[in-house]
PDB file of N, CA and C in Angstrom:
ATOM      1  N   MET A   1      32.111  98.089 189.356  1.00  0.00           N
ATOM      2  CA  MET A   1      32.335  98.046 190.546  1.00  0.00           C
ATOM      3  C   MET A   1      31.550  99.078 191.387  1.00  0.00           C
ATOM      4  N   ARG A   2      31.186  98.697 192.798  1.00  0.00           N
ATOM      5  CA  ARG A   2      30.715 100.013 193.741  1.00  0.00           C
ATOM      6  C   ARG A   2      31.611 100.470 194.275  1.00  0.00           C
ATOM      7  N   PRO A   3      31.723 102.121 194.423  1.00  0.00           N
ATOM      8  CA  PRO A   3      32.727 102.653 194.926  1.00  0.00           C
ATOM      9  C   PRO A   3      33.460 102.122 196.134  1.00  0.00           C
ATOM     10  N   ILE A   4      32.408 101.222 196.941  1.00  0.00           N
ATOM     11  CA  ILE A   4      32.735 100.921 198.320  1.00  0.00           C
ATOM     12  C   ILE A   4      33.569  99.384 198.349  1.00  0.00           C
ATOM     13  N   GLU A   5      33.490  98.788 196.978  1.00  0.00           N
ATOM     14  CA  GLU A   5      33.970  97.773 197.026  1.00  0.00           C
ATOM     15  C   GLU A   5      35.616  97.526 197.324  1.00  0.00           C
ATOM     16  N   PRO A   6      36.387  98.528 196.789  1.00  0.00           N
ATOM     17  CA  PRO A   6      37.876  98.389 197.230  1.00  0.00           C
ATOM     18  C   PRO A   6      38.138  98.724 198.847  1.00  0.00           C
ATOM     19  N   LEU A   7      37.344  99.306 199.536  1.00  0.00           N
ATOM     20  CA  LEU A   7      37.418  99.671 200.767  1.00  0.00           C
ATOM     21  C   LEU A   7      37.055  98.623 201.445  1.00  0.00           C
ATOM     22  N   GLU A   8      35.894  97.526 201.075  1.00  0.00           N
ATOM     23  CA  GLU A   8      35.828  96.568 202.019  1.00  0.00           C
ATOM     24  C   GLU A   8      37.097  95.454 201.574  1.00  0.00           C
ATOM     25  N   ARG A   9      37.298  95.486 200.634  1.00  0.00           N
ATOM     26  CA  ARG A   9      38.440  94.784 200.295  1.00  0.00           C
ATOM     27  C   ARG A   9      39.650  95.022 201.199  1.00  0.00           C
ATOM     28  N   LEU A  10      40.044  96.219 201.045  1.00  0.00           N
ATOM     29  CA  LEU A  10      41.110  96.537 202.025  1.00  0.00           C
ATOM     30  C   LEU A  10      41.020  96.238 203.543  1.00  0.00           C
ATOM     31  N   SER A  11      39.573  96.406 203.893  1.00  0.00           N
ATOM     32  CA  SER A  11      39.359  96.399 205.230  1.00  0.00           C
ATOM     33  C   SER A  11      39.689  94.747 205.859  1.00  0.00           C
ATOM     34  N   ARG A  12      38.963  93.870 204.637  1.00  0.00           N
ATOM     35  CA  ARG A  12      38.881  92.719 205.098  1.00  0.00           C
ATOM     36  C   ARG A  12      40.394  92.127 204.907  1.00  0.00           C
ATOM     37  N   LEU A  13      41.226  92.387 204.288  1.00  0.00           N
ATOM     38  CA  LEU A  13      42.793  92.176 204.230  1.00  0.00           C
ATOM     39  C   LEU A  13      43.543  92.117 205.535  1.00  0.00           C
ATOM     40  N   ILE A  14      42.827  93.317 205.921  1.00  0.00           N
ATOM     41  CA  ILE A  14      43.853  94.013 207.235  1.00  0.00           C
ATOM     42  C   ILE A  14      43.294  93.281 208.198  1.00  0.00           C
ATOM     43  N   ALA A  15      41.919  93.217 208.644  1.00  0.00           N
ATOM     44  CA  ALA A  15      41.170  92.561 209.418  1.00  0.00           C
ATOM     45  C   ALA A  15      41.700  90.915 209.463  1.00  0.00           C
ATOM     46  N   ASP A  16      41.819  90.217 208.378  1.00  0.00           N
ATOM     47  CA  ASP A  16      42.454  88.735 208.355  1.00  0.00           C
ATOM     48  C   ASP A  16      43.593  88.606 208.855  1.00  0.00           C
ATOM     49  N   ALA A  17      44.494  89.750 208.909  1.00  0.00           N
ATOM     50  CA  ALA A  17      45.871  89.476 209.601  1.00  0.00           C
ATOM     51  C   ALA A  17      45.893  89.593 211.214  1.00  0.00           C
ATOM     52  N   PHE A  18      44.739  89.882 211.543  1.00  0.00           N
ATOM     53  CA  PHE A  18      44.642  89.773 213.164  1.00  0.00           C
ATOM     54  C   PHE A  18      43.897  88.666 213.464  1.00  0.00           C
ATOM     55  N   PRO A  19      44.114  88.153 214.989  1.00  0.00           N
ATOM     56  CA  PRO A  19      43.340  86.855 215.465  1.00  0.00           C
ATOM     57  C   PRO A  19      41.597  87.115 215.276  1.00  0.00           C
ATOM     58  N   GLY A  20      40.847  86.054 215.383  1.00  0.00           N
ATOM     59  CA  GLY A  20      39.442  86.307 215.035  1.00  0.00           C
ATOM     60  C   GLY A  20      38.663  86.999 216.355  1.00  0.00           C
ATOM     61  N   GLU A  21      39.234  86.764 217.577  1.00  0.00           N
ATOM     62  CA  GLU A  21      38.433  87.540 218.369  1.00  0.00           C
ATOM     63  C   GLU A  21      38.620  89.307 218.203  1.00  0.00           C
ATOM     64  N   LEU A  22      39.528  89.721 217.513  1.00  0.00           N
ATOM     65  CA  LEU A  22      39.651  90.997 217.474  1.00  0.00           C
ATOM     66  C   LEU A  22      38.964  91.720 216.046  1.00  0.00           C
ATOM     67  N   THR A  23      38.973  90.674 215.348  1.00  0.00           N
ATOM     68  CA  THR A  23      38.391  90.994 213.851  1.00  0.00           C
ATOM     69  C   THR A  23      37.024  91.689 213.964  1.00  0.00           C
ATOM     70  N   ALA A  24      35.914  91.575 214.459  1.00  0.00           N
ATOM     71  CA  ALA A  24      35.058  92.650 214.268  1.00  0.00           C
ATOM     72  C   ALA A  24      34.878  93.823 214.990  1.00  0.00           C
ATOM     73  N   ASP A  25      35.536  94.073 215.760  1.00  0.00           N
ATOM     74  CA  ASP A  25      35.638  95.427 216.480  1.00  0.00           C
ATOM     75  C   ASP A  25      36.734  95.849 215.653  1.00  0.00           C
ATOM     76  N   LEU A  26      37.842  95.428 215.238  1.00  0.00           N
ATOM     77  CA  LEU A  26      39.064  95.813 214.268  1.00  0.00           C
ATOM     78  C   LEU A  26      38.186  96.278 213.159  1.00  0.00           C
ATOM     79  N   LYS A  27      37.665  95.643 212.523  1.00  0.00           N
ATOM     80  CA  LYS A  27      37.123  95.554 211.387  1.00  0.00           C
ATOM     81  C   LYS A  27      35.978  96.992 211.058  1.00  0.00           C
ATOM     82  N   LYS A  28      35.311  97.062 212.143  1.00  0.00           N
ATOM     83  CA  LYS A  28      34.464  98.413 212.249  1.00  0.00           C
ATOM     84  C   LYS A  28      35.068  99.561 212.251  1.00  0.00           C
ATOM     85  N   ASN A  29      36.440  99.482 213.178  1.00  0.00           N
ATOM     86  CA  ASN A  29      37.321 100.631 213.479  1.00  0.00           C
ATOM     87  C   ASN A  29      37.933 100.996 212.005  1.00  0.00           C
ATOM     88  N   LEU A  30      38.536  99.755 211.335  1.00  0.00           N
ATOM     89  CA  LEU A  30      39.491  99.987 210.054  1.00  0.00           C
ATOM     90  C   LEU A  30      38.141 100.684 208.875  1.00  0.00           C
ATOM     91  N   ASP A  31      37.200 100.017 208.984  1.00  0.00           N
ATOM     92  CA  ASP A  31      36.281 100.622 207.825  1.00  0.00           C
ATOM     93  C   ASP A  31      35.995 102.263 208.184  1.00  0.00           C
ATOM     94  N   ALA A  32      35.735 102.770 209.666  1.00  0.00           N
ATOM     95  CA  ALA A  32      35.592 103.954 209.914  1.00  0.00           C
ATOM     96  C   ALA A  32      36.708 104.792 209.588  1.00  0.00           C
ATOM     97  N   THR A  33      38.048 104.233 209.693  1.00  0.00           N
ATOM     98  CA  THR A  33      39.360 105.312 209.817  1.00  0.00           C
ATOM     99  C   THR A  33      39.669 105.312 207.997  1.00  0.00           C
ATOM    100  N   ILE A  34      39.333 104.154 207.248  1.00  0.00           N
ATOM    101  CA  ILE A  34      39.569 104.388 205.846  1.00  0.00           C
ATOM    102  C   ILE A  34      38.721 105.097 205.054  1.00  0.00           C
ATOM    103  N   ARG A  35      37.236 104.979 205.498  1.00  0.00           N
ATOM    104  CA  ARG A  35      36.332 105.926 205.071  1.00  0.00           C
ATOM    105  C   ARG A  35      36.562 107.492 205.268  1.00  0.00           C
ATOM    106  N   SER A  36      37.121 107.392 206.596  1.00  0.00           N
ATOM    107  CA  SER A  36      37.427 109.031 206.670  1.00  0.00           C
ATOM    108  C   SER A  36      38.311 109.528 206.098  1.00  0.00           C
ATOM    109  N   ALA A  37      39.366 108.621 205.646  1.00  0.00           N
ATOM    110  CA  ALA A  37      40.543 109.359 205.209  1.00  0.00           C
ATOM    111  C   ALA A  37      40.428 109.611 203.583  1.00  0.00           C
ATOM    112  N   LEU A  38      39.514 108.538 203.000  1.00  0.00           N
ATOM    113  CA  LEU A  38      39.198 108.582 201.536  1.00  0.00           C
ATOM    114  C   LEU A  38      38.216 109.702 201.755  1.00  0.00           C
ATOM    115  N   GLU A  39      37.419 110.155 202.424  1.00  0.00           N
ATOM    116  CA  GLU A  39      36.317 111.316 202.192  1.00  0.00           C
ATOM    117  C   GLU A  39      37.392 112.729 202.373  1.00  0.00           C
ATOM    118  N   ARG A  40      38.373 112.477 203.053  1.00  0.00           N
ATOM    119  CA  ARG A  40      39.461 113.961 203.024  1.00  0.00           C
ATOM    120  C   ARG A  40      40.058 114.214 201.966  1.00  0.00           C
ATOM    121  N   MET A  41      40.064 113.116 201.005  1.00  0.00           N
ATOM    122  CA  MET A  41      41.111 113.123 199.910  1.00  0.00           C
ATOM    123  C   MET A  41      40.248 113.713 198.956  1.00  0.00           C
ATOM    124  N   ASN A  42      39.046 114.268 198.882  1.00  0.00           N
ATOM    125  CA  ASN A  42      38.374 114.794 197.858  1.00  0.00           C
ATOM    126  C   ASN A  42      38.247 113.867 196.610  1.00  0.00           C
ATOM    127  N   LEU A  43      38.004 112.559 196.417  1.00  0.00           N
ATOM    128  CA  LEU A  43      38.034 111.904 195.464  1.00  0.00           C
ATOM    129  C   LEU A  43      36.561 111.871 194.778  1.00  0.00           C
ATOM    130  N   VAL A  44      36.740 111.699 193.504  1.00  0.00           N
ATOM    131  CA  VAL A  44      35.371 111.473 192.518  1.00  0.00           C
ATOM    132  C   VAL A  44      35.251 110.151 192.043  1.00  0.00           C
ATOM    133  N   THR A  45      34.012 109.784 191.510  1.00  0.00           N
ATOM    134  CA  THR A  45      34.008 108.959 191.558  1.00  0.00           C
ATOM    135  C   THR A  45      33.804 108.603 189.749  1.00  0.00           C
ATOM    136  N   ARG A  46      34.213 107.366 189.187  1.00  0.00           N
ATOM    137  CA  ARG A  46      34.427 107.204 187.775  1.00  0.00           C
ATOM    138  C   ARG A  46      33.463 107.866 186.989  1.00  0.00           C
ATOM    139  N   GLU A  47      32.018 107.907 187.496  1.00  0.00           N
ATOM    140  CA  GLU A  47      31.068 108.352 186.766  1.00  0.00           C
ATOM    141  C   GLU A  47      31.100 110.045 186.497  1.00  0.00           C
ATOM    142  N   GLU A  48      31.538 110.823 187.581  1.00  0.00           N
ATOM    143  CA  GLU A  48      31.960 112.017 187.538  1.00  0.00           C
ATOM    144  C   GLU A  48      33.047 112.395 186.681  1.00  0.00           C
ATOM    145  N   LEU A  49      34.095 111.842 186.940  1.00  0.00           N
ATOM    146  CA  LEU A  49      35.191 111.886 186.125  1.00  0.00           C
ATOM    147  C   LEU A  49      34.712 111.732 184.493  1.00  0.00           C
ATOM    148  N   GLU A  50      34.282 110.806 183.995  1.00  0.00           N
ATOM    149  CA  GLU A  50      33.769 110.890 182.827  1.00  0.00           C
ATOM    150  C   GLU A  50      32.842 111.878 182.233  1.00  0.00           C
ATOM    151  N   VAL A  51      32.059 112.631 183.063  1.00  0.00           N
ATOM    152  CA  VAL A  51      31.190 113.526 182.564  1.00  0.00           C
ATOM    153  C   VAL A  51      32.070 114.794 182.373  1.00  0.00           C
ATOM    154  N   GLN A  52      33.196 114.875 183.397  1.00  0.00           N
ATOM    155  CA  GLN A  52      33.967 115.961 183.201  1.00  0.00           C
ATOM    156  C   GLN A  52      34.718 115.989 181.999  1.00  0.00           C
ATOM    157  N   GLU A  53      35.115 114.924 181.643  1.00  0.00           N
ATOM    158  CA  GLU A  53      36.246 114.473 180.403  1.00  0.00           C
ATOM    159  C   GLU A  53      35.375 114.973 179.321  1.00  0.00           C
ATOM    160  N   ALA A  54      33.808 114.377 179.050  1.00  0.00           N
ATOM    161  CA  ALA A  54      33.201 114.760 177.975  1.00  0.00           C
ATOM    162  C   ALA A  54      32.867 116.457 177.844  1.00  0.00           C
ATOM    163  N   VAL A  55      32.576 116.848 179.018  1.00  0.00           N
ATOM    164  CA  VAL A  55      32.528 118.505 179.057  1.00  0.00           C
ATOM    165  C   VAL A  55      33.890 119.282 178.515  1.00  0.00           C
ATOM    166  N   LEU A  56      34.922 118.474 179.039  1.00  0.00           N
ATOM    167  CA  LEU A  56      36.331 119.103 178.331  1.00  0.00           C
ATOM    168  C   LEU A  56      36.144 118.949 177.057  1.00  0.00           C
ATOM    169  N   ALA A  57      36.198 117.807 176.542  1.00  0.00           N
ATOM    170  CA  ALA A  57      36.093 117.402 174.912  1.00  0.00           C
ATOM    171  C   ALA A  57      35.170 118.380 174.063  1.00  0.00           C
ATOM    172  N   ARG A  58      34.152 118.718 174.705  1.00  0.00           N
ATOM    173  CA  ARG A  58      33.117 119.621 174.071  1.00  0.00           C
ATOM    174  C   ARG A  58      33.929 120.977 174.277  1.00  0.00           C
ATOM    175  N   THR A  59      34.331 121.413 175.203  1.00  0.00           N
ATOM    176  CA  THR A  59      34.442 122.816 175.517  1.00  0.00           C
ATOM    177  C   THR A  59      36.075 122.977 174.207  1.00  0.00           C
ATOM    178  N   ARG A  60      36.903 121.786 174.351  1.00  0.00           N
ATOM    179  CA  ARG A  60      37.859 121.746 173.100  1.00  0.00           C
ATOM    180  C   ARG A  60      37.339 122.262 171.873  1.00  0.00           C
ATOM    181  N   GLU A  61      36.549 121.418 171.578  1.00  0.00           N
ATOM    182  CA  GLU A  61      35.762 121.578 170.291  1.00  0.00           C
ATOM    183  C   GLU A  61      35.513 122.805 169.771  1.00  0.00           C
ATOM    184  N   LYS A  62      34.534 123.445 170.737  1.00  0.00           N
ATOM    185  CA  LYS A  62      34.088 124.876 170.598  1.00  0.00           C
ATOM    186  C   LYS A  62      35.515 125.744 170.771  1.00  0.00           C
ATOM    187  N   LEU A  63      36.288 125.619 171.343  1.00  0.00           N
ATOM    188  CA  LEU A  63      37.436 126.373 171.453  1.00  0.00           C
ATOM    189  C   LEU A  63      38.248 126.194 170.069  1.00  0.00           C
ATOM    190  N   THR A  64      38.410 124.997 169.397  1.00  0.00           N
ATOM    191  CA  THR A  64      38.747 125.054 168.031  1.00  0.00           C
ATOM    192  C   THR A  64      38.278 125.616 167.128  1.00  0.00           C
ATOM    193  N   ALA A  65      36.819 125.350 166.976  1.00  0.00           N
ATOM    194  CA  ALA A  65      36.001 126.441 166.106  1.00  0.00           C
ATOM    195  C   ALA A  65      36.116 127.742 166.324  1.00  0.00           C
ATOM    196  N   LEU A  66      36.106 128.242 167.474  1.00  0.00           N
ATOM    197  CA  LEU A  66      36.191 129.677 167.843  1.00  0.00           C
ATOM    198  C   LEU A  66      37.750 130.002 167.439  1.00  0.00           C
ATOM    199  N   GLU A  67      38.418 129.668 167.239  1.00  0.00           N
ATOM    200  CA  GLU A  67      39.729 130.017 167.068  1.00  0.00           C
ATOM    201  C   GLU A  67      39.976 130.092 165.417  1.00  0.00           C
ATOM    202  N   ALA A  68      39.422 129.133 164.720  1.00  0.00           N
ATOM    203  CA  ALA A  68      39.392 129.259 163.402  1.00  0.00           C
ATOM    204  C   ALA A  68      38.461 130.177 162.821  1.00  0.00           C
ATOM    205  N   GLN A  69      37.296 130.617 163.686  1.00  0.00           N
ATOM    206  CA  GLN A  69      36.313 131.675 163.139  1.00  0.00           C
ATOM    207  C   GLN A  69      37.158 132.846 163.581  1.00  0.00           C
ATOM    208  N   VAL A  70      37.818 133.167 164.682  1.00  0.00           N
ATOM    209  CA  VAL A  70      38.836 133.959 164.637  1.00  0.00           C
ATOM    210  C   VAL A  70      39.784 134.434 163.648  1.00  0.00           C
ATOM    211  N   ALA A  71      40.446 133.419 163.159  1.00  0.00           N
ATOM    212  CA  ALA A  71      41.631 133.608 162.309  1.00  0.00           C
ATOM    213  C   ALA A  71      41.067 134.030 161.022  1.00  0.00           C
ATOM    214  N   GLU A  72      39.766 133.424 160.991  1.00  0.00           N
ATOM    215  CA  GLU A  72      39.277 133.781 159.494  1.00  0.00           C
ATOM    216  C   GLU A  72      38.878 135.470 159.592  1.00  0.00           C
ATOM    217  N   LEU A  73      38.453 135.827 160.465  1.00  0.00           N
ATOM    218  CA  LEU A  73      38.132 137.236 160.665  1.00  0.00           C
ATOM    219  C   LEU A  73      38.972 138.156 160.654  1.00  0.00           C
ATOM    220  N   GLU A  74      40.189 137.501 161.215  1.00  0.00           N
ATOM    221  CA  GLU A  74      41.107 138.658 161.226  1.00  0.00           C
ATOM    222  C   GLU A  74      41.870 138.447 159.790  1.00  0.00           C
ATOM    223  N   GLN A  75      41.877 137.418 159.096  1.00  0.00           N
ATOM    224  CA  GLN A  75      42.306 137.509 157.779  1.00  0.00           C
ATOM    225  C   GLN A  75      41.321 138.397 156.807  1.00  0.00           C
ATOM    226  N   GLN A  76      40.323 138.205 157.037  1.00  0.00           N
ATOM    227  CA  GLN A  76      39.074 139.280 156.477  1.00  0.00           C
ATOM    228  C   GLN A  76      39.560 140.683 156.742  1.00  0.00           C
ATOM    229  N   LEU A  77      39.757 141.035 157.908  1.00  0.00           N
ATOM    230  CA  LEU A  77      39.981 142.165 158.354  1.00  0.00           C
ATOM    231  C   LEU A  77      41.388 142.842 157.864  1.00  0.00           C
ATOM    232  N   GLY A  78      42.463 142.003 157.851  1.00  0.00           N
ATOM    233  CA  GLY A  78      43.527 142.467 157.228  1.00  0.00           C
ATOM    234  C   GLY A  78      43.538 142.540 155.957  1.00  0.00           C
ATOM    235  N   LEU A  79      42.798 141.743 154.863  1.00  0.00           N
ATOM    236  CA  LEU A  79      42.631 142.307 153.718  1.00  0.00           C
ATOM    237  C   LEU A  79      41.747 143.334 153.397  1.00  0.00           C
ATOM    238  N   GLN A  80      40.567 143.595 154.148  1.00  0.00           N
ATOM    239  CA  GLN A  80      40.131 144.900 154.293  1.00  0.00           C
ATOM    240  C   GLN A  80      40.649 146.083 154.547  1.00  0.00           C
ATOM    241  N   SER A  81      41.824 146.106 155.676  1.00  0.00           N
ATOM    242  CA  SER A  81      42.553 147.370 155.682  1.00  0.00           C
ATOM    243  C   SER A  81      43.921 147.528 154.842  1.00  0.00           C
ATOM    244  N   GLY A  82      44.095 146.404 154.323  1.00  0.00           N
ATOM    245  CA  GLY A  82      45.400 146.317 153.072  1.00  0.00           C
ATOM    246  C   GLY A  82      44.751 147.259 152.134  1.00  0.00           C
ATOM    247  N   SER A  83      43.522 146.835 151.542  1.00  0.00           N
ATOM    248  CA  SER A  83      42.801 147.432 150.368  1.00  0.00           C
ATOM    249  C   SER A  83      42.439 148.788 150.985  1.00  0.00           C
ATOM    250  N   ALA A  84      42.016 149.024 151.993  1.00  0.00           N
ATOM    251  CA  ALA A  84      41.526 150.394 152.140  1.00  0.00           C
ATOM    252  C   ALA A  84      42.874 151.624 152.312  1.00  0.00           C
ATOM    253  N   SER A  85      44.354 151.155 152.760  1.00  0.00           N
ATOM    254  CA  SER A  85      45.331 151.788 152.513  1.00  0.00           C
ATOM    255  C   SER A  85      45.589 152.323 151.286  1.00  0.00           C
ATOM    256  N   ASP A  86      45.432 151.369 150.264  1.00  0.00           N
ATOM    257  CA  ASP A  86      45.662 151.378 149.148  1.00  0.00           C
ATOM    258  C   ASP A  86      45.064 152.495 148.406  1.00  0.00           C
ATOM    259  N   ASP A  87      43.583 152.626 148.785  1.00  0.00           N
ATOM    260  CA  ASP A  87      42.878 153.812 147.961  1.00  0.00           C
ATOM    261  C   ASP A  87      42.965 155.098 148.708  1.00  0.00           C
ATOM    262  N   ASN A  88      43.505 155.233 149.909  1.00  0.00           N
ATOM    263  CA  ASN A  88      43.861 156.498 150.383  1.00  0.00           C
ATOM    264  C   ASN A  88      45.276 156.457 150.955  1.00  0.00           C
ATOM    265  N   PRO A  89      46.272 156.837 149.926  1.00  0.00           N
ATOM    266  CA  PRO A  89      47.726 157.111 150.357  1.00  0.00           C
ATOM    267  C   PRO A  89      48.143 158.120 151.177  1.00  0.00           C
ATOM    268  N   THR A  90      48.705 158.078 152.084  1.00  0.00           N
ATOM    269  CA  THR A  90      49.208 159.311 152.865  1.00  0.00           C
ATOM    270  C   THR A  90      50.406 159.994 152.217  1.00  0.00           C
ATOM    271  N   THR A  91      50.720 161.120 152.098  1.00  0.00           N
ATOM    272  CA  THR A  91      51.621 162.153 151.512  1.00  0.00           C
ATOM    273  C   THR A  91      52.300 162.819 152.493  1.00  0.00           C
ATOM    274  N   PRO A  92      53.662 162.493 152.867  1.00  0.00           N
ATOM    275  CA  PRO A  92      54.114 163.539 153.961  1.00  0.00           C
ATOM    276  C   PRO A  92      54.153 165.013 153.652  1.00  0.00           C
TER     277      PRO A  92
END
């Protein structure tokens, strides 16, 4: 569906509620008013939304992989520091 189709349908429904002689001018004014209101809403297209969802999914995957890598490195560091403290006991 084109992004403009819902706008055209809404405009047609409103224009149909008025007498025929007002319809052409009213439809033009309604189109401009609705278009202006939608532009101020900062809406995005379905395609833009789907692209951002894909970017977010890839970012989440990378974050999960990095978290696992950090956990593994922390575990290795913890094991190394634990064995190093056994080699050099401190005496008071």
